[in-house]
Amino acid sequence: MAATGGFGGPGSGTPGAGELLQLLRDGQPRTRAELARLTGLGRSTVSLRIDALLASGLLAPSGEAASTGGRPPARFAFNPRARVVVGVDLGATHGNIALTDLAGQPLSEVADDVDISAGPIPVLDWVVASIRRLLDEAGRDVTDLVGIGIGLPGPVEHSSGRPMRPPIMPGWDGYDVPHHLRRHWDVPVLVDNDVNIMALGEHVTAHPELDHLLFVKVATGVGAGIISGRQLLRGAVGAAGDLGHVAAPHAPDILCTCGNKGCLEAVASGHAIIKHLNSAGVPAKTNSDVVALVRGGNIAAAQAVRQAGRTLGEVLATCVSLLNPELVVIGGSIAQAGESLIAGIREVVYGRSLPLATAHLQIVSATTGSQAGVIGAATMVIQHALTADRVDEALASKSSVR
């Protein structure tokens, strides 16, 4: 295991510095006097906590406030560049990895075609090699690395980081993903379903003011991430939001990868659209081909995508009535086809869901695009590492925030 480094420094054992950091994570610089007023703490106590955070690098001077007489007071602000986080988004056929700062802002990225069905060892070895490359290129080492977040295209037991009987991931069931990466870096490794992290990334980046959001990914597969009360809902065994294997009403008995027939994924995913187009004599091999056909004005492709939207809408109408989200966000590669997919979904959801649930409901395209997953994976780690308690523990032990 690699050695860990830290936030040590004078005053690093001061209790409560983590709470002060929470106030400053909004990015607004504040003076000692302003922080004392906000917290009700004495100036000397605030100064000790600021010193601890300055020594760790998590806080940095940020100019001076206007003087009311005498020397202008110094302002301090959260320093997101103090450490880095790795966000990994693995799909059925792709791998995206980003090195981000502590605000979840990508600093550098790598993307490649990755076959998840190749099994955990070759895929995770690619992840390890890619992370090393990103760290080396950024001039960062393990003492700067807070943790690694990973999204996988299947159900995950979040507490252990192990995939749980994922339909499209042969060889992954029960595999200890965190252990594979912790052999190289002694940092927290958090694992979740890929749509969950996409929901998290879209929420914190584009809709942080909302309490209730449903994110739907339409790509090679179909899935959903549920934000309720600003919390990500994972369910008892990490299977919450597994829309792809819900039976689609009125769907033909097409065999799904899970072994059942008529699943939403079997009739309305990118893979299903490609099969439909090929049977109609329209050549398409990838989701990108489908998107290009729709954008190029191909009527058959536009109709197929819109019908997939209607089929998705039949299931989402129930989800809207059940969960009552403020916003439904449609992401994934097929969503890049434009309004065809969204129009089909809206057509059915607004017609079939409870009027009370749809009175103020918006159904929109994702704004984070291909970065939703990596931003969400990094955010998952940041939310874990930068709690007040964990920051205090790290400062007290003079170790990295982990």
Protein backbone atom coordinates (compact mmCIF):
# COMPACT_ATOMS: atom_id res chain seq x y z
CA MET A 1 0.00 0.00 0.00
CA ALA A 2 1.12 3.49 -0.72
CA ALA A 3 1.94 5.75 2.18
CA THR A 4 -0.55 8.39 3.18
CA GLY A 5 0.22 12.02 3.83
CA GLY A 6 -1.73 14.78 5.39
CA PHE A 7 -3.18 17.98 6.64
CA GLY A 8 -0.93 18.28 9.68
CA GLY A 9 0.23 21.61 11.02
CA PRO A 10 0.03 23.94 13.98
CA GLY A 11 -3.34 23.79 15.69
CA SER A 12 -4.44 20.80 13.62
CA GLY A 13 -5.95 19.17 16.67
CA THR A 14 -8.40 22.02 17.22
CA PRO A 15 -11.87 20.47 17.49
CA GLY A 16 -14.63 21.97 15.37
CA ALA A 17 -12.54 23.16 12.43
CA GLY A 18 -14.60 20.88 10.22
CA GLU A 19 -17.78 22.79 11.07
CA LEU A 20 -16.09 26.02 10.09
CA LEU A 21 -15.09 24.49 6.78
CA GLN A 22 -18.72 23.61 6.01
CA LEU A 23 -19.61 27.30 6.16
CA LEU A 24 -16.80 28.19 3.79
CA ARG A 25 -17.48 25.49 1.22
CA ASP A 26 -19.99 27.81 -0.47
CA GLY A 27 -16.98 29.64 -1.94
CA GLN A 28 -17.74 32.97 -0.29
CA PRO A 29 -14.68 34.51 1.40
CA ARG A 30 -15.22 35.63 4.99
CA THR A 31 -13.26 37.41 7.71
CA ARG A 32 -12.60 36.10 11.20
CA ALA A 33 -15.19 38.56 12.54
CA GLU A 34 -17.83 37.38 10.06
CA LEU A 35 -17.18 33.75 10.98
CA ALA A 36 -17.38 34.59 14.67
CA ARG A 37 -20.78 36.20 14.14
CA LEU A 38 -22.05 33.27 12.07
CA THR A 39 -20.90 30.61 14.55
CA GLY A 40 -21.28 32.45 17.84
CA LEU A 41 -17.71 31.46 18.71
CA GLY A 42 -15.06 33.73 20.20
CA ARG A 43 -12.52 35.38 17.90
CA SER A 44 -9.65 33.43 19.45
CA THR A 45 -11.43 30.10 18.87
CA VAL A 46 -12.22 31.03 15.28
CA SER A 47 -8.59 32.02 14.74
CA LEU A 48 -7.36 28.64 16.01
CA ARG A 49 -9.69 26.82 13.63
CA ILE A 50 -8.69 29.01 10.71
CA ASP A 51 -5.02 28.34 11.47
CA ALA A 52 -5.68 24.58 11.44
CA LEU A 53 -7.43 24.77 8.08
CA LEU A 54 -4.77 27.08 6.62
CA ALA A 55 -2.05 24.64 7.68
CA SER A 56 -3.93 21.81 5.97
CA GLY A 57 -4.32 23.78 2.75
CA LEU A 58 -8.10 23.45 2.81
CA LEU A 59 -8.39 27.16 3.48
CA ALA A 60 -6.50 29.97 1.76
CA PRO A 61 -6.30 33.75 2.14
CA SER A 62 -8.65 35.53 -0.23
CA GLY A 63 -7.89 39.24 -0.17
CA GLU A 64 -9.01 41.79 2.34
CA ALA A 65 -12.34 43.22 3.41
CA ALA A 66 -13.08 46.93 3.41
CA SER A 67 -11.49 48.65 6.35
CA THR A 68 -13.62 50.43 8.93
CA GLY A 69 -10.51 52.04 10.33
CA GLY A 70 -7.05 50.59 10.77
CA ARG A 71 -5.65 47.59 8.94
CA PRO A 72 -8.17 45.87 6.56
CA PRO A 73 -9.21 42.44 7.89
CA ALA A 74 -8.13 39.39 5.91
CA ARG A 75 -10.70 37.17 4.21
CA PHE A 76 -10.44 33.39 3.93
CA ALA A 77 -12.01 30.98 1.45
CA PHE A 78 -12.26 27.25 0.82
CA ASN A 79 -9.39 26.06 -1.39
CA PRO A 80 -10.76 23.24 -3.59
CA ARG A 81 -7.39 22.76 -5.30
CA ALA A 82 -5.82 21.62 -2.01
CA ARG A 83 -6.46 17.97 -2.86
CA VAL A 84 -7.77 15.90 -5.76
CA VAL A 85 -10.41 13.21 -6.21
CA VAL A 86 -10.83 10.59 -8.94
CA GLY A 87 -14.24 9.97 -10.49
CA VAL A 88 -14.70 6.84 -12.63
CA ASP A 89 -17.74 6.19 -14.84
CA LEU A 90 -17.86 2.70 -16.35
CA GLY A 91 -20.64 1.81 -18.77
CA ALA A 92 -21.34 -1.25 -20.85
CA THR A 93 -18.98 -0.10 -23.60
CA HIS A 94 -17.19 2.98 -22.28
CA GLY A 95 -14.89 4.18 -19.53
CA ASN A 96 -14.56 7.82 -18.45
CA ILE A 97 -12.19 8.91 -15.69
CA ALA A 98 -11.63 12.42 -14.35
CA LEU A 99 -9.27 13.97 -11.86
CA THR A 100 -11.27 16.65 -10.04
CA ASP A 101 -10.73 19.21 -7.32
CA LEU A 102 -12.64 19.23 -4.03
CA ALA A 103 -15.52 21.09 -5.65
CA GLY A 104 -15.98 18.28 -8.17
CA GLN A 105 -14.61 20.39 -11.04
CA PRO A 106 -12.80 18.16 -13.58
CA LEU A 107 -9.13 19.09 -13.98
CA SER A 108 -8.21 16.43 -16.55
CA GLU A 109 -9.96 13.45 -18.11
CA VAL A 110 -9.42 10.27 -20.04
CA ALA A 111 -12.01 8.31 -22.02
CA ASP A 112 -11.83 5.06 -23.95
CA ASP A 113 -13.91 2.19 -25.27
CA VAL A 114 -14.16 -0.37 -22.49
CA ASP A 115 -15.99 -3.70 -22.65
CA ILE A 116 -17.47 -4.28 -19.19
CA SER A 117 -18.20 -7.91 -20.10
CA ALA A 118 -14.43 -8.56 -20.31
CA GLY A 119 -14.53 -8.96 -16.52
CA PRO A 120 -13.29 -7.02 -13.50
CA ILE A 121 -9.56 -7.62 -13.71
CA PRO A 122 -8.81 -6.20 -17.20
CA VAL A 123 -11.31 -3.36 -16.76
CA LEU A 124 -10.04 -2.32 -13.32
CA ASP A 125 -6.42 -2.68 -14.44
CA TRP A 126 -7.25 -0.13 -17.16
CA VAL A 127 -8.74 2.10 -14.46
CA VAL A 128 -5.58 1.82 -12.35
CA ALA A 129 -3.30 2.62 -15.30
CA SER A 130 -5.47 5.59 -16.28
CA ILE A 131 -5.52 7.02 -12.75
CA ARG A 132 -1.74 6.77 -12.52
CA ARG A 133 -1.44 8.62 -15.80
CA LEU A 134 -3.78 11.41 -14.69
CA LEU A 135 -1.97 11.83 -11.36
CA ASP A 136 1.44 11.86 -13.04
CA GLU A 137 0.38 14.38 -15.68
CA ALA A 138 -1.07 16.65 -12.97
CA GLY A 139 2.05 16.36 -10.80
CA ARG A 140 0.00 14.91 -7.91
CA ASP A 141 0.84 11.98 -5.66
CA VAL A 142 -1.02 9.84 -3.13
CA THR A 143 -0.73 12.50 -0.43
CA ASP A 144 -2.97 14.70 -2.60
CA LEU A 145 -5.53 11.98 -3.35
CA VAL A 146 -8.62 12.08 -1.12
CA GLY A 147 -10.39 9.06 -2.61
CA ILE A 148 -11.76 7.28 -5.68
CA GLY A 149 -15.41 7.04 -6.71
CA ILE A 150 -16.60 4.47 -9.24
CA GLY A 151 -19.90 3.98 -11.06
CA LEU A 152 -20.74 0.53 -12.49
CA PRO A 153 -23.56 -0.40 -14.93
CA GLY A 154 -25.41 -2.72 -12.55
CA PRO A 155 -26.69 -3.10 -8.98
CA VAL A 156 -24.04 -2.42 -6.33
CA GLU A 157 -24.01 -3.05 -2.59
CA HIS A 158 -22.80 0.43 -1.73
CA SER A 159 -21.58 -0.47 1.77
CA SER A 160 -19.11 -3.04 0.41
CA GLY A 161 -18.58 -1.76 -3.13
CA ARG A 162 -19.39 -5.18 -4.58
CA PRO A 163 -21.60 -5.63 -7.67
CA MET A 164 -24.71 -7.72 -6.95
CA ARG A 165 -25.75 -10.07 -9.76
CA PRO A 166 -25.35 -7.46 -12.53
CA PRO A 167 -27.10 -8.71 -15.71
CA ILE A 168 -24.58 -7.35 -18.26
CA MET A 169 -21.39 -7.82 -16.22
CA PRO A 170 -20.26 -11.48 -16.34
CA GLY A 171 -17.62 -12.28 -13.74
CA TRP A 172 -18.33 -9.19 -11.63
CA ASP A 173 -20.86 -10.61 -9.16
CA GLY A 174 -19.50 -10.10 -5.64
CA TYR A 175 -16.10 -8.89 -6.87
CA ASP A 176 -14.27 -6.72 -4.30
CA VAL A 177 -13.80 -3.60 -6.42
CA PRO A 178 -12.46 -1.39 -3.58
CA HIS A 179 -9.81 -3.96 -2.66
CA HIS A 180 -8.58 -4.09 -6.27
CA LEU A 181 -7.86 -0.37 -6.24
CA ARG A 182 -6.72 -0.11 -2.61
CA ARG A 183 -3.83 -2.45 -3.46
CA HIS A 184 -2.45 0.57 -5.33
CA TRP A 185 -3.70 3.53 -3.26
CA ASP A 186 -4.56 3.45 0.43
CA VAL A 187 -7.56 5.75 0.10
CA PRO A 188 -11.33 5.27 0.36
CA VAL A 189 -12.85 3.67 -2.74
CA LEU A 190 -16.62 4.17 -3.02
CA VAL A 191 -18.66 2.27 -5.60
CA ASP A 192 -22.22 2.78 -6.79
CA ASN A 193 -24.52 2.14 -9.72
CA ASP A 194 -23.62 4.30 -12.73
CA VAL A 195 -27.04 5.95 -12.95
CA ASN A 196 -26.93 6.85 -9.26
CA ILE A 197 -23.70 8.76 -9.74
CA MET A 198 -25.06 10.42 -12.89
CA ALA A 199 -28.08 11.58 -10.88
CA LEU A 200 -25.76 12.93 -8.22
CA GLY A 201 -23.59 14.71 -10.80
CA GLU A 202 -26.57 16.31 -12.56
CA HIS A 203 -28.13 17.35 -9.25
CA VAL A 204 -25.09 19.09 -7.75
CA THR A 205 -24.04 20.67 -11.05
CA ALA A 206 -27.28 21.81 -12.65
CA HIS A 207 -30.11 21.61 -10.09
CA PRO A 208 -28.69 22.02 -6.56
CA GLU A 209 -31.76 23.98 -5.48
CA LEU A 210 -34.12 21.01 -6.01
CA ASP A 211 -35.05 18.47 -3.34
CA HIS A 212 -36.59 15.79 -5.57
CA LEU A 213 -35.15 14.68 -8.93
CA LEU A 214 -35.41 11.57 -11.08
CA PHE A 215 -32.53 10.94 -13.50
CA VAL A 216 -33.12 8.44 -16.32
CA LYS A 217 -30.28 7.08 -18.40
CA VAL A 218 -31.10 5.76 -21.87
CA ALA A 219 -28.08 4.19 -23.50
CA THR A 220 -27.07 0.58 -24.13
CA GLY A 221 -29.23 -0.09 -21.07
CA VAL A 222 -31.88 1.84 -19.15
CA GLY A 223 -31.76 2.86 -15.50
CA ALA A 224 -32.77 5.57 -13.06
CA GLY A 225 -31.21 7.45 -10.16
CA ILE A 226 -33.55 8.82 -7.49
CA ILE A 227 -32.85 11.98 -5.47
CA SER A 228 -35.45 12.46 -2.72
CA GLY A 229 -35.14 15.00 0.05
CA ARG A 230 -31.69 15.82 -1.44
CA GLN A 231 -30.59 12.25 -0.64
CA LEU A 232 -29.68 9.55 -3.13
CA LEU A 233 -31.98 6.53 -2.64
CA ARG A 234 -30.20 3.23 -3.17
CA GLY A 235 -32.70 0.75 -1.74
CA ALA A 236 -32.11 -2.29 0.46
CA VAL A 237 -29.53 -3.99 -1.77
CA GLY A 238 -28.59 -1.20 -4.18
CA ALA A 239 -31.23 -2.10 -6.78
CA ALA A 240 -33.39 1.03 -6.49
CA GLY A 241 -34.02 2.62 -9.87
CA ASP A 242 -33.30 -0.51 -11.94
CA LEU A 243 -35.91 0.52 -14.52
CA GLY A 244 -34.36 -1.47 -17.33
CA HIS A 245 -35.79 -4.70 -15.98
CA VAL A 246 -39.30 -3.46 -15.28
CA ALA A 247 -41.86 -5.03 -17.61
CA ALA A 248 -42.89 -2.50 -20.26
CA PRO A 249 -46.68 -2.36 -20.77
CA HIS A 250 -47.80 -3.67 -24.19
CA ALA A 251 -44.22 -4.69 -25.04
CA PRO A 252 -43.52 -7.72 -27.25
CA ASP A 253 -42.02 -10.79 -25.59
CA ILE A 254 -38.44 -9.96 -26.51
CA LEU A 255 -35.87 -11.79 -24.40
CA CYS A 256 -33.86 -9.51 -22.11
CA THR A 257 -30.30 -10.04 -20.87
CA CYS A 258 -31.73 -10.65 -17.39
CA GLY A 259 -33.61 -13.73 -18.64
CA ASN A 260 -37.10 -12.22 -18.54
CA LYS A 261 -39.14 -11.08 -21.55
CA GLY A 262 -40.56 -7.68 -22.39
CA CYS A 263 -38.26 -5.66 -20.12
CA LEU A 264 -37.94 -1.94 -20.80
CA GLU A 265 -34.29 -2.44 -21.67
CA ALA A 266 -35.18 -5.08 -24.24
CA VAL A 267 -37.60 -2.81 -26.12
CA ALA A 268 -36.58 0.83 -25.53
CA SER A 269 -32.80 0.95 -25.00
CA GLY A 270 -30.19 1.98 -27.53
CA HIS A 271 -29.53 -1.68 -28.27
CA ALA A 272 -33.26 -2.27 -28.91
CA ILE A 273 -33.48 0.75 -31.22
CA ILE A 274 -30.48 -0.47 -33.22
CA LYS A 275 -32.06 -3.92 -33.66
CA HIS A 276 -35.32 -2.33 -34.81
CA LEU A 277 -33.57 -0.10 -37.34
CA ASN A 278 -31.48 -2.97 -38.71
CA SER A 279 -34.62 -5.08 -39.21
CA ALA A 280 -36.09 -2.16 -41.17
CA GLY A 281 -33.01 -1.99 -43.40
CA VAL A 282 -31.49 1.08 -41.74
CA PRO A 283 -27.79 0.46 -40.96
CA ALA A 284 -26.75 1.33 -37.40
CA LYS A 285 -24.21 -0.35 -35.16
CA THR A 286 -23.81 1.98 -32.19
CA ASN A 287 -25.81 4.50 -30.17
CA SER A 288 -23.76 7.20 -31.86
CA ASP A 289 -25.03 5.93 -35.21
CA VAL A 290 -28.62 6.27 -33.99
CA VAL A 291 -27.99 9.82 -32.80
CA ALA A 292 -26.32 10.74 -36.10
CA LEU A 293 -29.26 9.32 -38.09
CA VAL A 294 -31.81 11.30 -36.08
CA ARG A 295 -29.81 14.50 -36.30
CA GLY A 296 -29.36 13.89 -40.03
CA GLY A 297 -33.11 13.81 -40.56
CA ASN A 298 -33.63 10.05 -40.98
CA ILE A 299 -37.37 9.60 -40.47
CA ALA A 300 -37.21 5.92 -39.50
CA ALA A 301 -34.61 6.63 -36.81
CA ALA A 302 -36.55 9.62 -35.45
CA GLN A 303 -39.73 7.53 -35.28
CA ALA A 304 -37.93 4.65 -33.56
CA VAL A 305 -36.44 6.96 -30.94
CA ARG A 306 -39.76 8.69 -30.34
CA GLN A 307 -41.50 5.33 -29.91
CA ALA A 308 -38.81 4.31 -27.43
CA GLY A 309 -39.65 7.53 -25.59
CA ARG A 310 -43.33 6.60 -25.48
CA THR A 311 -42.49 3.16 -24.13
CA LEU A 312 -40.23 4.70 -21.49
CA GLY A 313 -43.01 7.15 -20.68
CA GLU A 314 -45.40 4.32 -19.86
CA VAL A 315 -43.10 3.20 -17.06
CA LEU A 316 -42.05 6.70 -16.01
CA ALA A 317 -45.69 7.76 -15.63
CA THR A 318 -45.94 5.29 -12.75
CA CYS A 319 -42.62 6.51 -11.31
CA VAL A 320 -43.82 10.12 -11.38
CA SER A 321 -47.05 9.26 -9.58
CA LEU A 322 -45.15 7.16 -7.04
CA LEU A 323 -42.14 9.42 -6.36
CA ASN A 324 -43.53 12.87 -7.19
CA PRO A 325 -40.23 14.41 -8.41
CA GLU A 326 -39.92 18.09 -9.26
CA LEU A 327 -37.82 17.27 -12.31
CA VAL A 328 -37.20 14.29 -14.58
CA VAL A 329 -33.83 14.49 -16.33
CA ILE A 330 -33.16 12.30 -19.35
CA GLY A 331 -29.50 11.48 -19.96
CA GLY A 332 -27.38 8.83 -21.61
CA SER A 333 -26.16 8.59 -25.19
CA ILE A 334 -29.59 8.18 -26.81
CA ALA A 335 -30.78 11.40 -25.15
CA GLN A 336 -28.29 13.21 -27.40
CA ALA A 337 -30.65 12.51 -30.31
CA GLY A 338 -32.51 15.67 -29.33
CA GLU A 339 -36.21 16.21 -28.85
CA SER A 340 -37.42 12.92 -30.37
CA LEU A 341 -36.86 10.92 -27.18
CA ILE A 342 -38.00 13.67 -24.80
CA ALA A 343 -41.14 14.34 -26.86
CA GLY A 344 -42.18 10.68 -26.69
CA ILE A 345 -41.65 10.59 -22.92
CA ARG A 346 -43.56 13.83 -22.30
CA GLU A 347 -46.43 12.70 -24.50
CA VAL A 348 -47.16 9.73 -22.26
CA VAL A 349 -46.09 10.96 -18.81
CA TYR A 350 -48.16 14.13 -18.93
CA GLY A 351 -51.13 12.15 -20.20
CA ARG A 352 -51.01 9.26 -17.73
CA SER A 353 -49.53 10.48 -14.46
CA LEU A 354 -51.63 12.04 -11.72
CA PRO A 355 -52.43 15.68 -12.56
CA LEU A 356 -51.28 16.74 -9.09
CA ALA A 357 -47.88 15.10 -9.69
CA THR A 358 -47.41 16.70 -13.12
CA ALA A 359 -48.77 20.19 -12.35
CA HIS A 360 -45.28 21.65 -11.98
CA LEU A 361 -43.22 18.74 -13.32
CA GLN A 362 -40.55 19.41 -15.91
CA ILE A 363 -38.99 16.75 -18.15
CA VAL A 364 -35.69 17.94 -19.59
CA SER A 365 -32.45 16.73 -21.16
CA ALA A 366 -29.36 16.36 -18.99
CA THR A 367 -26.98 19.31 -19.08
CA THR A 368 -23.84 17.56 -17.83
CA GLY A 369 -23.57 15.21 -20.82
CA SER A 370 -20.75 12.68 -20.62
CA GLN A 371 -19.35 14.36 -17.48
CA ALA A 372 -22.37 13.54 -15.28
CA GLY A 373 -20.92 10.19 -14.18
CA VAL A 374 -17.40 11.33 -13.33
CA ILE A 375 -18.65 14.46 -11.55
CA GLY A 376 -21.14 12.36 -9.59
CA ALA A 377 -18.53 9.75 -8.65
CA ALA A 378 -16.18 12.48 -7.44
CA THR A 379 -19.02 14.18 -5.55
CA MET A 380 -19.81 10.91 -3.79
CA VAL A 381 -16.23 10.85 -2.44
CA ILE A 382 -16.22 14.55 -1.56
CA GLN A 383 -19.45 14.24 0.41
CA HIS A 384 -17.94 11.27 2.26
CA ALA A 385 -14.59 12.90 3.01
CA LEU A 386 -15.48 16.49 3.82
CA THR A 387 -18.00 15.97 6.58
CA ALA A 388 -17.22 18.04 9.67
CA ASP A 389 -16.37 14.95 11.73
CA ARG A 390 -14.00 13.45 9.14
CA VAL A 391 -12.21 16.75 8.62
CA ASP A 392 -11.73 17.11 12.39
CA GLU A 393 -10.44 13.53 12.68
CA ALA A 394 -8.00 14.07 9.83
CA LEU A 395 -6.70 17.34 11.23
CA ALA A 396 -6.32 15.84 14.70
CA SER A 397 -4.35 12.87 13.38
CA LYS A 398 -2.40 14.96 10.88
CA SER A 399 -3.52 12.74 8.03
CA SER A 400 -5.22 13.31 4.71
CA VAL A 401 -8.94 13.92 4.67
CA ARG A 402 -10.21 10.47 3.76
